[in-house]
Amino acid sequence: MVVRSGRSGGAWAVAAALMVGGCAAAEDAKPGGDPKATVRGAAEVLSRAGTSKASTSMEMATGGTRVTIRGEGGYDFRRSTGHLQVVLPKDAAGASEHRPITELLAPGALYMKNRGAGVPADKWVRVDTTTLDDGNLVTGGATDPAAAAELLRGAQKVAYVGEVDLAGVKVSHYRGVTDIAVAARAASPQVRGALAAAAKGFAKDAVPFDAYLDHEGRLRKVRHQFSFANQGRTVAVASTTLLYGFGTRVEVRLPSRKDIYAGKIKV
């Protein structure tokens, strides 16, 4: 299966192919708590919250080219499983629409349907995220919501910016830098393998972020800024994840082995 490529630039190559604790944690989320401890605990609070709806946006820029990929779906943080409908941008001429890609997210795996040329319409493509140079922080065109939250476990420099309104909800805005390698070591078992791969794949472990937590300590929005070199050019990726509708029912049924495409993928 031709999915993985290169070192840190491999994530861009694949993504480009898609285009053709408890009360204490909640209390710390309020202004005046320890910003670093609050942000690092966001993943644990989400696990207790259970499920939510999710919206994703991934903006990639290199040279004079800038594209945005968007996704909508739901996520179960207890099981680290979710589903997204990922909408690709129009072609450069703006003349054609791409079929949405259905993505299923699971510990160590990414399943994609309508993946692209050469894949039968009724088949899924399965990618082992622990073998991806970016741990699926970029490859799927949407950062796995659990990985986005777990990445904050490596927060090193965090500052409280202030309280803002986010879709009618008062949230606390934190800004800082997280370390992928530190996050991988502290991550939950379901996400640890993918983040460990990302720690090896990215040229730099430091990832700037903006995180927005409500007064229960739940992560409502997080924006990560990834950067890596690809064929002599710097690729900048801004990945944003929005979480809302906590408690919504999220069902994920993974495809059986017979429904998974075993051939090569044209990129």
Protein backbone atom coordinates (compact mmCIF):
# COMPACT_ATOMS: atom_id res chain seq x y z
CA MET A 1 0.00 0.00 0.00
CA VAL A 2 1.70 3.22 -1.08
CA VAL A 3 0.65 5.57 1.67
CA ARG A 4 3.73 6.46 3.66
CA SER A 5 6.54 8.50 2.15
CA GLY A 6 9.76 10.11 3.28
CA ARG A 7 10.61 11.66 6.61
CA SER A 8 8.86 14.75 7.91
CA GLY A 9 7.94 15.86 4.37
CA GLY A 10 6.00 12.62 3.85
CA ALA A 11 3.01 13.99 5.71
CA TRP A 12 2.72 16.83 3.18
CA ALA A 13 3.03 14.39 0.28
CA VAL A 14 0.13 12.28 1.51
CA ALA A 15 -2.01 15.25 2.49
CA ALA A 16 -1.35 16.81 -0.91
CA ALA A 17 -2.50 13.60 -2.55
CA LEU A 18 -5.82 13.95 -0.77
CA MET A 19 -6.27 17.26 -2.62
CA VAL A 20 -6.04 15.74 -6.26
CA GLY A 21 -8.21 15.11 36.79
CA GLY A 22 -11.89 15.71 38.52
CA CYS A 23 -13.06 18.87 40.25
CA ALA A 24 -9.51 20.12 40.64
CA ALA A 25 -8.99 20.11 36.87
CA ALA A 26 -12.25 21.97 36.34
CA GLU A 27 -11.29 24.55 38.96
CA ASP A 28 -7.85 25.06 37.38
CA ALA A 29 -9.55 25.91 34.06
CA LYS A 30 -10.68 29.19 35.58
CA PRO A 31 -8.40 32.25 35.51
CA GLY A 32 -5.92 32.08 38.36
CA GLY A 33 -5.11 28.37 38.07
CA ASP A 34 -1.77 27.03 36.87
CA PRO A 35 -1.93 27.52 33.07
CA LYS A 36 0.48 24.68 32.26
CA ALA A 37 -1.27 22.17 34.54
CA THR A 38 -4.67 23.22 33.17
CA VAL A 39 -3.68 22.73 29.54
CA ARG A 40 -1.83 19.48 30.22
CA GLY A 41 -4.94 18.09 31.90
CA ALA A 42 -7.29 18.86 29.01
CA ALA A 43 -7.08 15.36 27.51
CA GLU A 44 -8.00 13.72 30.83
CA VAL A 45 -11.03 16.00 31.22
CA LEU A 46 -12.21 15.10 27.70
CA SER A 47 -11.92 11.42 28.53
CA ARG A 48 -14.27 11.93 31.46
CA ALA A 49 -16.61 14.05 29.33
CA GLY A 50 -16.99 11.07 26.97
CA THR A 51 -18.14 12.22 23.56
CA SER A 52 -18.61 15.34 21.47
CA LYS A 53 -19.21 16.63 17.99
CA ALA A 54 -16.11 17.83 16.17
CA SER A 55 -15.24 20.25 13.38
CA THR A 56 -11.77 20.39 11.89
CA SER A 57 -9.91 22.76 9.62
CA MET A 58 -6.44 22.24 8.19
CA GLU A 59 -4.75 25.04 6.29
CA MET A 60 -1.55 24.20 4.44
CA ALA A 61 0.75 26.74 2.83
CA THR A 62 3.94 26.32 0.86
CA GLY A 63 5.40 28.87 -1.50
CA GLY A 64 2.46 30.73 -3.00
CA THR A 65 0.01 27.84 -2.58
CA ARG A 66 -2.52 27.79 0.24
CA VAL A 67 -5.34 25.27 0.66
CA THR A 68 -7.85 24.45 3.40
CA ILE A 69 -9.40 21.05 4.15
CA ARG A 70 -12.45 20.88 6.45
CA GLY A 71 -14.10 18.07 8.36
CA GLU A 72 -17.23 17.40 10.43
CA GLY A 73 -18.10 14.49 12.67
CA GLY A 74 -18.04 13.13 16.19
CA TYR A 75 -15.57 11.63 18.64
CA ASP A 76 -15.60 9.24 21.60
CA PHE A 77 -12.70 10.19 23.86
CA ARG A 78 -13.10 7.16 26.12
CA ARG A 79 -12.58 4.76 23.23
CA SER A 80 -10.37 7.05 21.10
CA THR A 81 -12.63 6.43 18.11
CA GLY A 82 -14.41 8.86 15.85
CA HIS A 83 -15.71 9.65 12.38
CA LEU A 84 -15.25 12.63 10.06
CA GLN A 85 -16.51 13.71 6.65
CA VAL A 86 -13.53 15.52 5.16
CA VAL A 87 -14.24 18.01 2.37
CA LEU A 88 -11.40 18.75 -0.02
CA PRO A 89 -10.98 22.12 -1.73
CA LYS A 90 -11.86 22.70 -5.37
CA ASP A 91 -9.20 22.33 -8.01
CA ALA A 92 -7.07 25.39 -8.69
CA ALA A 93 -9.41 26.41 -11.51
CA GLY A 94 -12.36 26.08 -9.13
CA ALA A 95 -14.22 24.01 -11.67
CA SER A 96 -14.68 20.69 -9.91
CA GLU A 97 -15.86 19.42 -6.54
CA HIS A 98 -14.21 16.46 -4.83
CA ARG A 99 -16.28 13.78 -3.19
CA PRO A 100 -16.03 13.99 0.61
CA ILE A 101 -13.70 11.45 2.18
CA THR A 102 -15.18 9.44 5.02
CA GLU A 103 -12.61 8.88 7.76
CA LEU A 104 -12.86 6.54 10.71
CA LEU A 105 -10.39 7.15 13.52
CA ALA A 106 -9.28 4.38 15.87
CA PRO A 107 -6.28 3.70 18.12
CA GLY A 108 -3.31 3.22 15.80
CA ALA A 109 -5.37 3.32 12.62
CA LEU A 110 -7.02 5.62 10.10
CA TYR A 111 -9.64 4.27 7.69
CA MET A 112 -10.57 6.27 4.59
CA LYS A 113 -13.33 5.79 2.01
CA ASN A 114 -13.42 7.65 -1.33
CA ARG A 115 -9.67 7.86 -0.86
CA GLY A 116 -8.88 8.59 -4.50
CA ALA A 117 -8.02 7.21 -7.92
CA GLY A 118 -7.53 3.47 -8.13
CA VAL A 119 -9.50 2.58 -4.99
CA PRO A 120 -12.87 0.87 -5.62
CA ALA A 121 -15.84 2.92 -4.41
CA ASP A 122 -16.91 0.23 -1.93
CA LYS A 123 -13.47 -0.26 -0.37
CA TRP A 124 -11.69 1.35 2.55
CA VAL A 125 -8.02 2.26 2.82
CA ARG A 126 -6.42 1.47 6.17
CA VAL A 127 -3.35 3.35 7.37
CA ASP A 128 -1.29 2.35 10.42
CA THR A 129 -0.82 5.74 12.09
CA THR A 130 2.10 4.47 14.17
CA THR A 131 4.10 4.18 10.92
CA LEU A 132 3.30 7.67 9.63
CA ASP A 133 6.03 10.27 9.98
CA ASP A 134 3.49 12.70 11.45
CA GLY A 135 1.43 10.19 13.49
CA ASN A 136 -1.70 11.40 11.60
CA LEU A 137 -1.38 14.92 12.93
CA VAL A 138 -1.45 16.05 9.30
CA THR A 139 -1.76 13.10 6.90
CA GLY A 140 -5.54 12.60 6.95
CA GLY A 141 -6.26 16.26 6.27
CA ALA A 142 -7.61 16.49 9.84
CA THR A 143 -5.83 16.03 13.15
CA ASP A 144 -7.32 13.20 15.20
CA PRO A 145 -9.21 15.04 18.00
CA ALA A 146 -7.72 12.76 20.65
CA ALA A 147 -4.20 13.38 19.32
CA ALA A 148 -4.88 17.12 19.24
CA ALA A 149 -5.79 17.03 22.93
CA GLU A 150 -3.08 14.56 23.97
CA LEU A 151 -0.48 16.72 22.26
CA LEU A 152 -1.16 19.32 24.95
CA ARG A 153 0.24 16.95 27.59
CA GLY A 154 3.66 18.15 26.44
CA ALA A 155 2.91 21.84 27.03
CA GLN A 156 6.10 23.58 28.17
CA LYS A 157 5.41 27.29 27.95
CA VAL A 158 1.82 28.34 28.64
CA ALA A 159 0.32 31.75 29.29
CA TYR A 160 -3.26 32.67 30.17
CA VAL A 161 -4.42 35.17 27.53
CA GLY A 162 -7.91 35.98 28.82
CA GLU A 163 -11.57 35.01 28.69
CA VAL A 164 -13.38 35.15 25.34
CA ASP A 165 -16.74 34.14 23.90
CA LEU A 166 -16.68 31.07 21.67
CA ALA A 167 -20.02 30.30 19.99
CA GLY A 168 -21.89 31.61 23.02
CA VAL A 169 -19.69 29.84 25.58
CA LYS A 170 -17.26 31.67 27.86
CA VAL A 171 -13.85 30.04 27.52
CA SER A 172 -10.35 30.67 28.84
CA HIS A 173 -7.73 31.23 26.16
CA TYR A 174 -4.25 29.79 26.68
CA ARG A 175 -1.27 30.19 24.38
CA GLY A 176 1.98 28.31 24.47
CA VAL A 177 4.32 25.74 22.95
CA THR A 178 4.07 21.99 23.34
CA ASP A 179 6.74 19.35 22.84
CA ILE A 180 5.72 16.31 20.77
CA ALA A 181 8.25 13.98 22.39
CA VAL A 182 7.17 14.95 25.92
CA ALA A 183 3.52 14.56 24.92
CA ALA A 184 4.20 11.10 23.47
CA ARG A 185 5.72 9.89 26.72
CA ALA A 186 2.77 11.21 28.75
CA ALA A 187 0.01 10.22 26.30
CA SER A 188 -2.64 7.58 26.89
CA PRO A 189 -1.83 4.11 25.47
CA GLN A 190 -4.32 4.53 22.59
CA VAL A 191 -2.51 7.58 21.21
CA ARG A 192 1.05 7.02 22.41
CA GLY A 193 2.25 5.08 19.36
CA ALA A 194 1.08 7.70 16.85
CA LEU A 195 2.59 10.59 18.81
CA ALA A 196 5.85 8.69 19.24
CA ALA A 197 6.00 8.34 15.45
CA ALA A 198 5.37 12.07 15.08
CA ALA A 199 8.15 12.84 17.56
CA LYS A 200 10.57 10.95 15.31
CA GLY A 201 9.17 12.30 12.04
CA PHE A 202 9.02 16.05 12.60
CA ALA A 203 12.29 17.96 12.35
CA LYS A 204 11.29 20.05 15.40
CA ASP A 205 9.34 18.84 18.42
CA ALA A 206 8.15 22.34 19.39
CA VAL A 207 4.58 23.09 18.28
CA PRO A 208 2.95 26.48 19.04
CA PHE A 209 -0.71 26.25 20.09
CA ASP A 210 -3.76 28.22 21.18
CA ALA A 211 -6.17 26.31 23.42
CA TYR A 212 -9.63 27.34 24.64
CA LEU A 213 -11.13 25.58 27.69
CA ASP A 214 -14.55 26.06 29.22
CA HIS A 215 -15.09 26.43 32.98
CA GLU A 216 -15.40 22.66 33.34
CA GLY A 217 -11.92 22.23 31.91
CA ARG A 218 -13.18 20.77 28.62
CA LEU A 219 -11.20 21.64 25.52
CA ARG A 220 -13.48 23.57 23.17
CA LYS A 221 -10.98 24.66 20.55
CA VAL A 222 -7.31 24.05 19.85
CA ARG A 223 -5.12 25.34 17.06
CA HIS A 224 -1.69 23.81 16.44
CA GLN A 225 0.90 25.24 14.07
CA PHE A 226 3.12 22.59 12.52
CA SER A 227 6.09 23.33 10.28
CA PHE A 228 8.46 21.08 8.38
CA ALA A 229 10.70 21.01 5.31
CA ASN A 230 9.61 19.24 2.13
CA GLN A 231 11.82 19.17 -0.96
CA GLY A 232 13.63 22.32 0.09
CA ARG A 233 10.48 24.25 0.94
CA THR A 234 8.97 25.03 4.31
CA VAL A 235 5.43 23.73 4.69
CA ALA A 236 3.30 25.53 7.28
CA VAL A 237 0.22 23.74 8.60
CA ALA A 238 -2.39 25.29 10.88
CA SER A 239 -4.70 22.61 12.27
CA THR A 240 -7.81 23.68 14.20
CA THR A 241 -10.17 21.37 16.10
CA LEU A 242 -13.51 22.55 17.51
CA LEU A 243 -15.38 20.42 20.07
CA TYR A 244 -19.02 20.96 21.03
CA GLY A 245 -22.23 19.03 21.70
CA PHE A 246 -20.71 17.06 24.56
CA GLY A 247 -22.58 13.88 25.37
CA THR A 248 -23.81 13.38 21.82
CA ARG A 249 -24.09 9.77 20.70
CA VAL A 250 -21.07 8.67 18.65
CA GLU A 251 -21.03 5.26 16.98
CA VAL A 252 -18.06 3.99 14.99
CA ARG A 253 -18.20 0.65 13.19
CA LEU A 254 -14.85 -0.26 11.71
CA PRO A 255 -14.82 -2.03 8.32
CA SER A 256 -14.16 -5.75 8.13
CA ARG A 257 -10.98 -7.07 6.55
CA LYS A 258 -12.74 -7.98 3.30
CA ASP A 259 -13.80 -4.37 2.84
CA ILE A 260 -10.26 -3.00 3.06
CA TYR A 261 -8.41 -2.29 -0.18
CA ALA A 262 -5.10 -4.13 -0.40
CA GLY A 263 -3.71 -2.63 -3.62
CA LYS A 264 -1.52 0.36 -4.30
CA ILE A 265 -2.89 3.87 -4.01
CA LYS A 266 -2.24 6.29 -6.85
CA VAL A 267 -0.83 9.57 -5.55
